[in-house]
Amino acid sequence: MRKGTVTAFKHQQETLEADIRSAFERLQWRDYIKSDSRVFVKPNFTLPFFKPGVTTHGSVIEATLAVLKDRASEVLIGEADGGYGSYTAEYALTNHGIPDICRRTGTTMVNISQMERSRVTEKINGKPITVTIGKELLNVDESISLPVLKVHAVTKVSLSIKNLWGCHPDTLRLLDHKNLEEKLTLIAKSIHLRFALVDGIYGLNIHGPMDGAPVKIGVIMLGDNPVATDATACRLMGFDPAKIKHIRIAANEGLGPCNIGDIDILEDLTIFQQKFRIEPTFVDRLGALTFKSRLLSKIVFDSRLTKPIYKLTGRTHKRQIAKPGDEI
């Protein structure tokens, strides 16, 4: 199993790029990202506009891309279309200022939903698992996940590993929730996920991943593997990572350590310690059931019963482009 090292620092806008560079240096990043490396960066654009505690802050993205481009030969940043076709990747990337950020940093924006697709199959957690991934992502040397520090009403947390679900290019990826935990691990392995940089300027409490209670925390956390980073972030939020299935499976598959004794934490994180909680709704509990059955997913999300189910639960079945203030 890969050992893990995690560092962190207090967010200060005026020194952000220098602090991120220093954090990468502490993690011996030059051992992994070479001068000829091709690197993919996956932000969290759960909504097509910035929302504190929900989507990755543009300043964190820009500083990270600038640092990486100084080292690697090519740096890509991308996202897929929103679920249900609620918004396009192009719309989300543009609204978050990624075209301008890419011009300033010399990096490349990619639309995962427009990539040629590949099917990857491997045994994960003792099961044959197949995932669909944008083909170009399979040809990078290293990937870096840029999640937000937030809870998730179904998966408990949405951190660097859960953030990878956006690498699945299908807008109806809701239908593929069965064995989601194993699929996330397979995606992480397939795109060579190495580093995780958690945007904890704001966290999201109570409910997630798109709506909840934003909490000002002011931490940026960087780790040299996703499991160690997510496990450390979970503890900072007051959760036991061993009880979060997708993190536990990724650890068991060798992506990194979950046990605190196997993680070298370089900074004192107690000043950022929080006590997060999750308050799932009836709709969340219904959604959790779809993680167990593709047939149930089809009934709930893509059948003649979909609109009546949404109406019954007080939700709106949206397929239009989302705008600020919308919940999808």
Foldseek 3Di string as FASTA:
>chain_A
DDFKEKEKDFDDLVCLLVVVLVRCVVQVVCVQAAQAFEEEEEWQCQALADDFQATFQLSNVLSVLLSSVVGYVAYEYEFAAAALLQDGRVSSCVNNVNVVSCVVRVYYYDYLLPADKDWDWDQFPNRIDIAIFRPVLLPGREYEYEYELEQAQQLGTCFRLNSCVRRRHDSNCLLVLAVVLRVSLVSCVRNHYFKYKYPVCWHFAAHDNHDGDIDGQRMIMMMGFDLLRVLVSCVLQVHHQCPRRSSVRSVVVPRYDNDPVSYHYPDDCPSRRHHGDYDHDPVSVLSNVSSNDSVSSCCCQPDPCPCVVCVVVVHHNHNHHDDPPDDD
